[in-house]
Amino acid sequence: MCGGGDGRFLARLLRTNRDVNVDYVDLSPKMAALARERVASLGITEVERVRFHICDLREFEPDCGGYNLIVTNFFLDCFDDQDVFAVVARLAAMAGPNAQWLVSEFCNGERRAARIFGRAIVRGLYFAFRITTGLRVTKLPDYEAALSKAGFVVRREARAWGGLLRSCVWEKRKLGAVLHRKTKPARA
């Protein structure tokens, strides 16, 4: 789980799947502390099912043979186009043979009015993040091209807020596999 933030998704994942073990990677000690509190409130000790790594993902060294699931919720949008390809390639190298990748990100809306409104919201968010965190990125990167290049294909998709938010399950393409058409988006 990359850029796991305050642990809301992490807590839900741990409640939903009692067998999952997670490497949580986040650059922010404050976010990791909030996530630790959420995990502790579930009665789960850190060493049981979650290992917290407070570091830049580009410096993270996993000690497993390959992840079955990679989660990057509102994480890839922190990189520019060049860096997102490098980050995705690094994560793809950590993926096991049947890995799935859950991505939730902001995107352009589906309808014209939603696209205009969405661009304004995304610009505002990037401006706020620049002020509060020093983030230099000013536009959404092409993470879909990076995931495709890394050998992943979309299997499921859901959108919310007029298409402004998009969640997808990507799956690692098997060698020699025929590409399947994208599934019809589910409505959130």
N, C-alpha and C. Protein backbone atom coordinates (compact mmCIF):
# COMPACT_ATOMS: atom_id res chain seq x y z
N MET A 1 0.86 -1.17 0.00
CA MET A 1 0.00 0.00 0.00
C MET A 1 0.90 1.22 0.00
N CYS A 2 0.81 1.98 -1.07
CA CYS A 2 1.69 3.13 -1.25
C CYS A 2 0.95 4.43 -0.96
N GLY A 3 1.54 5.27 -0.14
CA GLY A 3 0.88 6.52 0.21
C GLY A 3 -0.43 6.24 0.91
N GLY A 4 -0.38 5.37 1.89
CA GLY A 4 -1.59 4.90 2.58
C GLY A 4 -2.33 5.94 3.39
N GLY A 5 -1.76 7.11 3.53
CA GLY A 5 -2.46 8.19 4.22
C GLY A 5 -2.83 7.84 5.65
N ASP A 6 -4.03 8.31 6.04
CA ASP A 6 -4.45 8.17 7.45
C ASP A 6 -4.97 6.78 7.81
N GLY A 7 -4.93 5.85 6.87
CA GLY A 7 -5.26 4.46 7.19
C GLY A 7 -6.71 4.06 7.06
N ARG A 8 -7.57 4.93 6.54
CA ARG A 8 -8.98 4.54 6.39
C ARG A 8 -9.13 3.32 5.48
N PHE A 9 -8.48 3.38 4.32
CA PHE A 9 -8.57 2.23 3.41
C PHE A 9 -7.91 1.01 4.04
N LEU A 10 -6.76 1.20 4.67
CA LEU A 10 -6.04 0.11 5.32
C LEU A 10 -6.93 -0.59 6.34
N ALA A 11 -7.60 0.17 7.19
CA ALA A 11 -8.48 -0.42 8.21
C ALA A 11 -9.61 -1.22 7.57
N ARG A 12 -10.18 -0.67 6.54
CA ARG A 12 -11.28 -1.38 5.85
C ARG A 12 -10.77 -2.67 5.21
N LEU A 13 -9.60 -2.61 4.61
CA LEU A 13 -9.00 -3.80 4.01
C LEU A 13 -8.75 -4.87 5.06
N LEU A 14 -8.21 -4.48 6.19
CA LEU A 14 -7.92 -5.43 7.27
C LEU A 14 -9.20 -6.05 7.85
N ARG A 15 -10.28 -5.24 7.94
CA ARG A 15 -11.56 -5.77 8.43
C ARG A 15 -12.19 -6.72 7.42
N THR A 16 -12.06 -6.40 6.14
CA THR A 16 -12.70 -7.18 5.09
C THR A 16 -11.97 -8.49 4.81
N ASN A 17 -10.66 -8.46 4.87
CA ASN A 17 -9.86 -9.64 4.56
C ASN A 17 -9.01 -9.99 5.77
N ARG A 18 -9.42 -10.99 6.48
CA ARG A 18 -8.75 -11.36 7.74
C ARG A 18 -7.40 -12.04 7.53
N ASP A 19 -7.08 -12.40 6.27
CA ASP A 19 -5.82 -13.09 5.99
C ASP A 19 -4.76 -12.19 5.36
N VAL A 20 -5.12 -10.96 5.05
CA VAL A 20 -4.19 -10.08 4.34
C VAL A 20 -3.07 -9.59 5.26
N ASN A 21 -1.88 -9.52 4.70
CA ASN A 21 -0.73 -8.92 5.36
C ASN A 21 -0.30 -7.74 4.48
N VAL A 22 0.03 -6.63 5.12
CA VAL A 22 0.25 -5.39 4.37
C VAL A 22 1.59 -4.75 4.71
N ASP A 23 2.28 -4.31 3.67
CA ASP A 23 3.39 -3.38 3.81
C ASP A 23 2.82 -2.02 3.46
N TYR A 24 2.78 -1.14 4.45
CA TYR A 24 2.25 0.22 4.30
C TYR A 24 3.45 1.13 4.12
N VAL A 25 3.49 1.85 2.98
CA VAL A 25 4.62 2.74 2.69
C VAL A 25 4.08 4.16 2.54
N ASP A 26 4.56 5.06 3.38
CA ASP A 26 4.16 6.47 3.28
C ASP A 26 5.33 7.32 3.72
N LEU A 27 5.48 8.44 3.06
CA LEU A 27 6.56 9.37 3.36
C LEU A 27 6.31 10.18 4.63
N SER A 28 5.04 10.33 5.00
CA SER A 28 4.67 11.20 6.11
C SER A 28 4.56 10.45 7.45
N PRO A 29 5.39 10.82 8.42
CA PRO A 29 5.27 10.22 9.74
C PRO A 29 3.91 10.51 10.39
N LYS A 30 3.34 11.68 10.10
CA LYS A 30 2.02 12.03 10.68
C LYS A 30 0.93 11.12 10.15
N MET A 31 0.93 10.87 8.83
CA MET A 31 -0.07 9.98 8.24
C MET A 31 0.11 8.55 8.76
N ALA A 32 1.35 8.11 8.86
CA ALA A 32 1.62 6.77 9.38
C ALA A 32 1.14 6.63 10.83
N ALA A 33 1.32 7.68 11.63
CA ALA A 33 0.84 7.65 13.03
C ALA A 33 -0.68 7.51 13.07
N LEU A 34 -1.38 8.25 12.20
CA LEU A 34 -2.84 8.13 12.14
C LEU A 34 -3.26 6.72 11.71
N ALA A 35 -2.55 6.17 10.72
CA ALA A 35 -2.86 4.82 10.25
C ALA A 35 -2.61 3.79 11.36
N ARG A 36 -1.52 3.96 12.10
CA ARG A 36 -1.23 3.04 13.21
C ARG A 36 -2.35 3.07 14.24
N GLU A 37 -2.87 4.26 14.54
CA GLU A 37 -3.98 4.38 15.49
C GLU A 37 -5.21 3.64 14.99
N ARG A 38 -5.52 3.79 13.70
CA ARG A 38 -6.68 3.08 13.14
C ARG A 38 -6.51 1.57 13.22
N VAL A 39 -5.31 1.10 12.90
CA VAL A 39 -5.05 -0.34 12.96
C VAL A 39 -5.14 -0.83 14.41
N ALA A 40 -4.58 -0.08 15.33
CA ALA A 40 -4.65 -0.45 16.75
C ALA A 40 -6.08 -0.48 17.25
N SER A 41 -6.93 0.41 16.75
CA SER A 41 -8.34 0.44 17.18
C SER A 41 -9.08 -0.82 16.74
N LEU A 42 -8.54 -1.55 15.78
CA LEU A 42 -9.12 -2.82 15.34
C LEU A 42 -8.65 -3.98 16.21
N GLY A 43 -7.72 -3.69 17.11
CA GLY A 43 -7.17 -4.75 17.96
C GLY A 43 -6.07 -5.53 17.26
N ILE A 44 -5.51 -4.95 16.22
CA ILE A 44 -4.45 -5.62 15.46
C ILE A 44 -3.13 -4.98 15.84
N THR A 45 -2.17 -5.80 16.24
CA THR A 45 -0.86 -5.25 16.52
C THR A 45 -0.09 -5.13 15.22
N GLU A 46 0.82 -4.20 15.21
CA GLU A 46 1.58 -3.91 13.99
C GLU A 46 2.24 -5.14 13.41
N VAL A 47 2.88 -5.92 14.23
CA VAL A 47 3.64 -7.05 13.73
C VAL A 47 2.75 -8.18 13.22
N GLU A 48 1.49 -8.21 13.63
CA GLU A 48 0.61 -9.29 13.19
C GLU A 48 0.33 -9.26 11.69
N ARG A 49 -0.12 -8.11 11.20
CA ARG A 49 -0.59 -8.07 9.81
C ARG A 49 -0.14 -6.85 9.02
N VAL A 50 0.46 -5.87 9.68
CA VAL A 50 0.87 -4.65 9.00
C VAL A 50 2.29 -4.29 9.40
N ARG A 51 3.09 -3.99 8.39
CA ARG A 51 4.43 -3.44 8.64
C ARG A 51 4.44 -2.04 8.07
N PHE A 52 4.77 -1.07 8.92
CA PHE A 52 4.80 0.33 8.50
C PHE A 52 6.22 0.71 8.07
N HIS A 53 6.30 1.32 6.91
CA HIS A 53 7.57 1.79 6.36
C HIS A 53 7.41 3.28 6.07
N ILE A 54 8.11 4.11 6.83
CA ILE A 54 8.04 5.56 6.62
C ILE A 54 9.25 5.93 5.78
N CYS A 55 9.00 6.01 4.47
CA CYS A 55 10.09 6.29 3.54
C CYS A 55 9.50 6.64 2.17
N ASP A 56 10.35 7.12 1.31
CA ASP A 56 10.00 7.36 -0.07
C ASP A 56 9.90 5.99 -0.75
N LEU A 57 8.85 5.77 -1.50
CA LEU A 57 8.66 4.49 -2.18
C LEU A 57 9.87 4.14 -3.05
N ARG A 58 10.50 5.14 -3.61
CA ARG A 58 11.65 4.89 -4.49
C ARG A 58 12.85 4.35 -3.73
N GLU A 59 12.80 4.39 -2.39
CA GLU A 59 13.86 3.84 -1.56
C GLU A 59 13.43 2.59 -0.81
N PHE A 60 12.16 2.23 -0.91
CA PHE A 60 11.62 1.07 -0.21
C PHE A 60 12.14 -0.23 -0.83
N GLU A 61 12.61 -1.13 0.01
CA GLU A 61 13.09 -2.43 -0.44
C GLU A 61 12.22 -3.52 0.20
N PRO A 62 11.33 -4.13 -0.58
CA PRO A 62 10.46 -5.18 -0.03
C PRO A 62 11.26 -6.44 0.28
N ASP A 63 10.75 -7.23 1.22
CA ASP A 63 11.43 -8.48 1.54
C ASP A 63 10.49 -9.67 1.30
N CYS A 64 9.62 -9.52 0.30
CA CYS A 64 8.74 -10.63 -0.05
C CYS A 64 9.04 -11.04 -1.49
N GLY A 65 8.49 -12.16 -1.90
CA GLY A 65 8.75 -12.69 -3.24
C GLY A 65 7.91 -12.08 -4.33
N GLY A 66 7.01 -11.21 -4.01
CA GLY A 66 6.14 -10.59 -5.00
C GLY A 66 4.76 -10.37 -4.40
N TYR A 67 4.23 -9.19 -4.59
CA TYR A 67 2.94 -8.83 -4.00
C TYR A 67 1.79 -9.32 -4.86
N ASN A 68 0.73 -9.77 -4.20
CA ASN A 68 -0.51 -10.16 -4.89
C ASN A 68 -1.38 -8.95 -5.19
N LEU A 69 -1.25 -7.92 -4.37
CA LEU A 69 -2.06 -6.71 -4.52
C LEU A 69 -1.18 -5.50 -4.25
N ILE A 70 -1.31 -4.52 -5.13
CA ILE A 70 -0.66 -3.22 -4.95
C ILE A 70 -1.77 -2.20 -4.88
N VAL A 71 -1.71 -1.29 -3.91
CA VAL A 71 -2.73 -0.27 -3.74
C VAL A 71 -2.06 1.10 -3.82
N THR A 72 -2.55 1.93 -4.75
CA THR A 72 -2.05 3.30 -4.89
C THR A 72 -3.25 4.24 -5.00
N ASN A 73 -3.89 4.49 -3.88
CA ASN A 73 -5.04 5.38 -3.85
C ASN A 73 -4.55 6.82 -3.67
N PHE A 74 -4.84 7.66 -4.64
CA PHE A 74 -4.47 9.07 -4.62
C PHE A 74 -2.98 9.23 -4.33
N PHE A 75 -2.21 8.43 -5.02
CA PHE A 75 -0.76 8.41 -4.86
C PHE A 75 -0.05 8.76 -6.16
N LEU A 76 -0.47 8.14 -7.26
CA LEU A 76 0.21 8.36 -8.54
C LEU A 76 0.08 9.79 -9.03
N ASP A 77 -0.95 10.49 -8.56
CA ASP A 77 -1.14 11.88 -8.98
C ASP A 77 -0.14 12.83 -8.32
N CYS A 78 0.73 12.30 -7.49
CA CYS A 78 1.78 13.11 -6.86
C CYS A 78 3.04 13.18 -7.72
N PHE A 79 3.01 12.53 -8.88
CA PHE A 79 4.19 12.48 -9.74
C PHE A 79 3.88 13.12 -11.09
N ASP A 80 4.91 13.64 -11.74
CA ASP A 80 4.72 14.13 -13.10
C ASP A 80 4.80 12.94 -14.05
N ASP A 81 4.57 13.19 -15.34
CA ASP A 81 4.52 12.09 -16.32
C ASP A 81 5.80 11.26 -16.33
N GLN A 82 6.94 11.90 -16.27
CA GLN A 82 8.21 11.17 -16.31
C GLN A 82 8.37 10.29 -15.07
N ASP A 83 8.14 10.87 -13.90
CA ASP A 83 8.32 10.12 -12.66
C ASP A 83 7.29 9.01 -12.49
N VAL A 84 6.06 9.21 -12.97
CA VAL A 84 5.03 8.18 -12.78
C VAL A 84 5.41 6.91 -13.53
N PHE A 85 6.07 7.03 -14.69
CA PHE A 85 6.51 5.84 -15.42
C PHE A 85 7.57 5.09 -14.60
N ALA A 86 8.48 5.81 -13.98
CA ALA A 86 9.52 5.17 -13.17
C ALA A 86 8.93 4.51 -11.92
N VAL A 87 8.00 5.20 -11.25
CA VAL A 87 7.37 4.66 -10.05
C VAL A 87 6.55 3.41 -10.39
N VAL A 88 5.78 3.48 -11.45
CA VAL A 88 4.97 2.32 -11.86
C VAL A 88 5.87 1.15 -12.24
N ALA A 89 6.94 1.41 -12.95
CA ALA A 89 7.87 0.33 -13.32
C ALA A 89 8.48 -0.31 -12.07
N ARG A 90 8.81 0.51 -11.09
CA ARG A 90 9.38 -0.01 -9.84
C ARG A 90 8.37 -0.90 -9.12
N LEU A 91 7.14 -0.42 -9.02
CA LEU A 91 6.10 -1.21 -8.36
C LEU A 91 5.77 -2.47 -9.14
N ALA A 92 5.72 -2.37 -10.45
CA ALA A 92 5.43 -3.54 -11.29
C ALA A 92 6.48 -4.63 -11.07
N ALA A 93 7.72 -4.23 -10.83
CA ALA A 93 8.79 -5.20 -10.57
C ALA A 93 8.57 -5.93 -9.24
N MET A 94 7.79 -5.34 -8.35
CA MET A 94 7.48 -5.95 -7.05
C MET A 94 6.24 -6.84 -7.11
N ALA A 95 5.54 -6.83 -8.23
CA ALA A 95 4.28 -7.56 -8.36
C ALA A 95 4.54 -9.03 -8.62
N GLY A 96 3.72 -9.87 -7.98
CA GLY A 96 3.77 -11.30 -8.23
C GLY A 96 3.13 -11.63 -9.57
N PRO A 97 3.17 -12.90 -9.97
CA PRO A 97 2.70 -13.29 -11.30
C PRO A 97 1.21 -13.05 -11.56
N ASN A 98 0.37 -13.09 -10.55
CA ASN A 98 -1.07 -12.87 -10.73
C ASN A 98 -1.54 -11.63 -10.01
N ALA A 99 -0.68 -10.66 -9.93
CA ALA A 99 -0.96 -9.46 -9.13
C ALA A 99 -2.10 -8.63 -9.68
N GLN A 100 -2.81 -8.01 -8.76
CA GLN A 100 -3.80 -7.00 -9.09
C GLN A 100 -3.32 -5.69 -8.50
N TRP A 101 -3.77 -4.59 -9.12
CA TRP A 101 -3.33 -3.26 -8.71
C TRP A 101 -4.57 -2.40 -8.60
N LEU A 102 -4.85 -1.92 -7.42
CA LEU A 102 -5.99 -1.04 -7.20
C LEU A 102 -5.52 0.40 -7.26
N VAL A 103 -6.14 1.17 -8.16
CA VAL A 103 -5.77 2.57 -8.34
C VAL A 103 -7.03 3.41 -8.18
N SER A 104 -7.01 4.38 -7.29
CA SER A 104 -8.07 5.38 -7.19
C SER A 104 -7.41 6.73 -7.37
N GLU A 105 -7.93 7.50 -8.31
CA GLU A 105 -7.34 8.81 -8.63
C GLU A 105 -8.42 9.76 -9.11
N PHE A 106 -8.08 11.02 -9.10
CA PHE A 106 -8.91 12.02 -9.76
C PHE A 106 -8.71 11.87 -11.25
N CYS A 107 -9.72 12.23 -12.02
CA CYS A 107 -9.60 12.21 -13.47
C CYS A 107 -10.55 13.24 -14.05
N ASN A 108 -10.46 13.40 -15.36
CA ASN A 108 -11.39 14.32 -16.02
C ASN A 108 -12.79 13.73 -15.98
N GLY A 109 -13.77 14.59 -15.86
CA GLY A 109 -15.17 14.14 -15.83
C GLY A 109 -15.60 13.53 -17.14
N GLU A 110 -16.74 12.86 -17.11
CA GLU A 110 -17.24 12.18 -18.31
C GLU A 110 -17.96 13.14 -19.26
N ARG A 111 -18.65 14.12 -18.73
CA ARG A 111 -19.38 15.08 -19.55
C ARG A 111 -18.63 16.40 -19.58
N ARG A 112 -18.95 17.22 -20.58
CA ARG A 112 -18.23 18.48 -20.77
C ARG A 112 -18.24 19.35 -19.51
N ALA A 113 -19.42 19.54 -18.93
CA ALA A 113 -19.52 20.38 -17.73
C ALA A 113 -18.71 19.78 -16.58
N ALA A 114 -18.76 18.46 -16.46
CA ALA A 114 -18.00 17.79 -15.40
C ALA A 114 -16.50 17.93 -15.63
N ARG A 115 -16.07 17.88 -16.89
CA ARG A 115 -14.64 18.05 -17.20
C ARG A 115 -14.16 19.44 -16.81
N ILE A 116 -14.96 20.45 -17.14
CA ILE A 116 -14.59 21.83 -16.80
C ILE A 116 -14.54 22.00 -15.28
N PHE A 117 -15.58 21.53 -14.60
CA PHE A 117 -15.65 21.60 -13.15
C PHE A 117 -14.50 20.79 -12.53
N GLY A 118 -14.26 19.61 -13.10
CA GLY A 118 -13.21 18.73 -12.59
C GLY A 118 -11.83 19.35 -12.71
N ARG A 119 -11.55 19.95 -13.86
CA ARG A 119 -10.25 20.61 -14.02
C ARG A 119 -10.04 21.70 -12.99
N ALA A 120 -11.09 22.47 -12.72
CA ALA A 120 -10.99 23.53 -11.71
C ALA A 120 -10.72 22.94 -10.33
N ILE A 121 -11.40 21.86 -10.00
CA ILE A 121 -11.18 21.22 -8.69
C ILE A 121 -9.77 20.67 -8.60
N VAL A 122 -9.33 19.97 -9.64
CA VAL A 122 -7.98 19.40 -9.61
C VAL A 122 -6.92 20.49 -9.51
N ARG A 123 -7.09 21.58 -10.27
CA ARG A 123 -6.14 22.70 -10.15
C ARG A 123 -6.12 23.25 -8.73
N GLY A 124 -7.31 23.39 -8.13
CA GLY A 124 -7.39 23.87 -6.76
C GLY A 124 -6.72 22.93 -5.77
N LEU A 125 -6.90 21.64 -5.97
CA LEU A 125 -6.26 20.66 -5.09
C LEU A 125 -4.74 20.71 -5.22
N TYR A 126 -4.26 20.76 -6.45
CA TYR A 126 -2.82 20.85 -6.65
C TYR A 126 -2.26 22.13 -6.03
N PHE A 127 -2.98 23.23 -6.15
CA PHE A 127 -2.54 24.50 -5.55
C PHE A 127 -2.46 24.34 -4.02
N ALA A 128 -3.49 23.75 -3.42
CA ALA A 128 -3.50 23.55 -1.96
C ALA A 128 -2.36 22.63 -1.53
N PHE A 129 -2.13 21.56 -2.28
CA PHE A 129 -1.03 20.64 -1.93
C PHE A 129 0.32 21.30 -2.10
N ARG A 130 0.45 22.18 -3.09
CA ARG A 130 1.72 22.89 -3.27
C ARG A 130 2.00 23.75 -2.05
N ILE A 131 0.97 24.44 -1.56
CA ILE A 131 1.15 25.31 -0.40
C ILE A 131 1.42 24.51 0.88
N THR A 132 0.66 23.44 1.08
CA THR A 132 0.77 22.69 2.34
C THR A 132 1.91 21.68 2.38
N THR A 133 2.27 21.11 1.21
CA THR A 133 3.28 20.05 1.22
C THR A 133 4.50 20.34 0.35
N GLY A 134 4.41 21.37 -0.48
CA GLY A 134 5.51 21.66 -1.39
C GLY A 134 5.46 20.85 -2.68
N LEU A 135 4.38 20.15 -2.92
CA LEU A 135 4.23 19.34 -4.13
C LEU A 135 4.39 20.22 -5.36
N ARG A 136 5.22 19.81 -6.29
CA ARG A 136 5.51 20.60 -7.48
C ARG A 136 4.63 20.24 -8.68
N VAL A 137 3.97 19.10 -8.64
CA VAL A 137 3.15 18.65 -9.76
C VAL A 137 1.94 19.57 -9.91
N THR A 138 1.58 19.85 -11.16
CA THR A 138 0.46 20.77 -11.40
C THR A 138 -0.65 20.17 -12.25
N LYS A 139 -0.44 18.95 -12.75
CA LYS A 139 -1.49 18.30 -13.55
C LYS A 139 -1.44 16.80 -13.35
N LEU A 140 -2.56 16.14 -13.66
CA LEU A 140 -2.64 14.70 -13.51
C LEU A 140 -1.70 14.01 -14.50
N PRO A 141 -0.91 13.05 -14.03
CA PRO A 141 -0.01 12.34 -14.94
C PRO A 141 -0.76 11.25 -15.71
N ASP A 142 -0.14 10.73 -16.74
CA ASP A 142 -0.74 9.66 -17.54
C ASP A 142 -0.35 8.31 -16.92
N TYR A 143 -0.93 8.03 -15.73
CA TYR A 143 -0.59 6.79 -15.05
C TYR A 143 -1.14 5.57 -15.79
N GLU A 144 -2.21 5.75 -16.57
CA GLU A 144 -2.78 4.62 -17.32
C GLU A 144 -1.77 4.12 -18.36
N ALA A 145 -1.12 5.03 -19.06
CA ALA A 145 -0.11 4.61 -20.04
C ALA A 145 1.05 3.91 -19.33
N ALA A 146 1.42 4.39 -18.16
CA ALA A 146 2.51 3.77 -17.40
C ALA A 146 2.13 2.35 -16.97
N LEU A 147 0.90 2.17 -16.49
CA LEU A 147 0.45 0.83 -16.08
C LEU A 147 0.37 -0.11 -17.28
N SER A 148 -0.14 0.38 -18.39
CA SER A 148 -0.22 -0.45 -19.60
C SER A 148 1.18 -0.87 -20.06
N LYS A 149 2.10 0.08 -20.08
CA LYS A 149 3.47 -0.21 -20.48
C LYS A 149 4.11 -1.24 -19.55
N ALA A 150 3.73 -1.21 -18.27
CA ALA A 150 4.28 -2.15 -17.28
C ALA A 150 3.62 -3.52 -17.35
N GLY A 151 2.64 -3.69 -18.25
CA GLY A 151 2.05 -5.01 -18.43
C GLY A 151 0.75 -5.25 -17.68
N PHE A 152 0.05 -4.18 -17.30
CA PHE A 152 -1.22 -4.32 -16.59
C PHE A 152 -2.37 -3.89 -17.49
N VAL A 153 -3.53 -4.51 -17.30
CA VAL A 153 -4.74 -4.17 -18.04
C VAL A 153 -5.89 -3.93 -17.04
N VAL A 154 -6.80 -3.05 -17.40
CA VAL A 154 -7.95 -2.75 -16.53
C VAL A 154 -8.93 -3.92 -16.59
N ARG A 155 -9.37 -4.36 -15.42
CA ARG A 155 -10.37 -5.43 -15.33
C ARG A 155 -11.72 -4.92 -14.83
N ARG A 156 -11.68 -3.95 -13.92
CA ARG A 156 -12.93 -3.36 -13.40
C ARG A 156 -12.70 -1.88 -13.18
N GLU A 157 -13.80 -1.14 -13.25
CA GLU A 157 -13.71 0.32 -13.11
C GLU A 157 -14.99 0.84 -12.49
N ALA A 158 -14.85 1.83 -11.64
CA ALA A 158 -16.01 2.53 -11.07
C ALA A 158 -15.67 4.02 -11.03
N ARG A 159 -16.68 4.84 -11.28
CA ARG A 159 -16.50 6.29 -11.23
C ARG A 159 -17.51 6.90 -10.27
N ALA A 160 -17.13 8.04 -9.73
CA ALA A 160 -18.02 8.77 -8.82
C ALA A 160 -17.85 10.26 -9.09
N TRP A 161 -18.76 11.04 -8.57
CA TRP A 161 -18.75 12.49 -8.68
C TRP A 161 -18.67 12.94 -10.13
N GLY A 162 -19.54 12.39 -10.97
CA GLY A 162 -19.59 12.78 -12.37
C GLY A 162 -18.34 12.39 -13.14
N GLY A 163 -17.65 11.38 -12.67
CA GLY A 163 -16.44 10.92 -13.34
C GLY A 163 -15.16 11.54 -12.80
N LEU A 164 -15.25 12.43 -11.84
CA LEU A 164 -14.07 13.09 -11.28
C LEU A 164 -13.19 12.12 -10.50
N LEU A 165 -13.80 11.13 -9.86
CA LEU A 165 -13.06 10.10 -9.13
C LEU A 165 -13.19 8.79 -9.88
N ARG A 166 -12.08 8.10 -10.03
CA ARG A 166 -12.08 6.84 -10.76
C ARG A 166 -11.28 5.82 -9.98
N SER A 167 -11.87 4.64 -9.80
CA SER A 167 -11.18 3.52 -9.17
C SER A 167 -11.15 2.36 -10.16
N CYS A 168 -9.99 1.77 -10.31
CA CYS A 168 -9.83 0.65 -11.25
C CYS A 168 -9.04 -0.47 -10.60
N VAL A 169 -9.39 -1.68 -10.98
CA VAL A 169 -8.57 -2.84 -10.65
C VAL A 169 -7.84 -3.21 -11.93
N TRP A 170 -6.53 -3.13 -11.87
CA TRP A 170 -5.67 -3.52 -12.98
C TRP A 170 -5.12 -4.90 -12.66
N GLU A 171 -4.87 -5.68 -13.68
CA GLU A 171 -4.36 -7.03 -13.48
C GLU A 171 -3.10 -7.21 -14.32
N LYS A 172 -2.15 -7.91 -13.75
CA LYS A 172 -0.91 -8.15 -14.48
C LYS A 172 -1.20 -9.09 -15.64
N ARG A 173 -0.85 -8.66 -16.83
CA ARG A 173 -1.07 -9.45 -18.03
C ARG A 173 -0.15 -10.66 -17.98
N LYS A 174 -0.70 -11.81 -18.27
CA LYS A 174 0.10 -13.03 -18.31
C LYS A 174 0.83 -13.10 -19.65
N LEU A 175 2.01 -13.64 -19.64
CA LEU A 175 2.79 -13.74 -20.87
C LEU A 175 2.01 -14.53 -21.91
N GLY A 176 1.91 -14.00 -23.10
CA GLY A 176 1.22 -14.67 -24.19
C GLY A 176 -0.29 -14.56 -24.11
N ALA A 177 -0.81 -13.86 -23.12
CA ALA A 177 -2.27 -13.75 -22.97
C ALA A 177 -2.84 -12.78 -23.99
N VAL A 178 -4.05 -13.07 -24.40
CA VAL A 178 -4.76 -12.18 -25.31
C VAL A 178 -5.39 -11.09 -24.47
N LEU A 179 -5.28 -9.86 -24.92
CA LEU A 179 -5.89 -8.75 -24.18
C LEU A 179 -7.40 -8.85 -24.27
N HIS A 180 -8.05 -8.69 -23.14
CA HIS A 180 -9.51 -8.69 -23.10
C HIS A 180 -10.00 -7.26 -23.16
N ARG A 181 -11.20 -7.10 -23.67
CA ARG A 181 -11.75 -5.75 -23.72
C ARG A 181 -12.02 -5.27 -22.31
N LYS A 182 -12.01 -3.99 -22.16
CA LYS A 182 -12.26 -3.35 -20.88
C LYS A 182 -13.70 -3.61 -20.46
N THR A 183 -13.91 -3.92 -19.19
CA THR A 183 -15.27 -4.16 -18.70
C THR A 183 -16.01 -2.85 -18.62
N LYS A 184 -17.31 -2.95 -18.73
CA LYS A 184 -18.16 -1.76 -18.66
C LYS A 184 -18.04 -1.13 -17.29
N PRO A 185 -17.86 0.19 -17.22
CA PRO A 185 -17.71 0.85 -15.91
C PRO A 185 -18.94 0.67 -15.04
N ALA A 186 -18.69 0.40 -13.77
CA ALA A 186 -19.77 0.36 -12.79
C ALA A 186 -20.05 1.76 -12.30
N ARG A 187 -21.24 2.03 -11.96
CA ARG A 187 -21.60 3.35 -11.42
C ARG A 187 -21.48 3.32 -9.92
N ALA A 188 -20.81 4.34 -9.38
CA ALA A 188 -20.65 4.44 -7.93
C ALA A 188 -21.79 5.18 -7.31
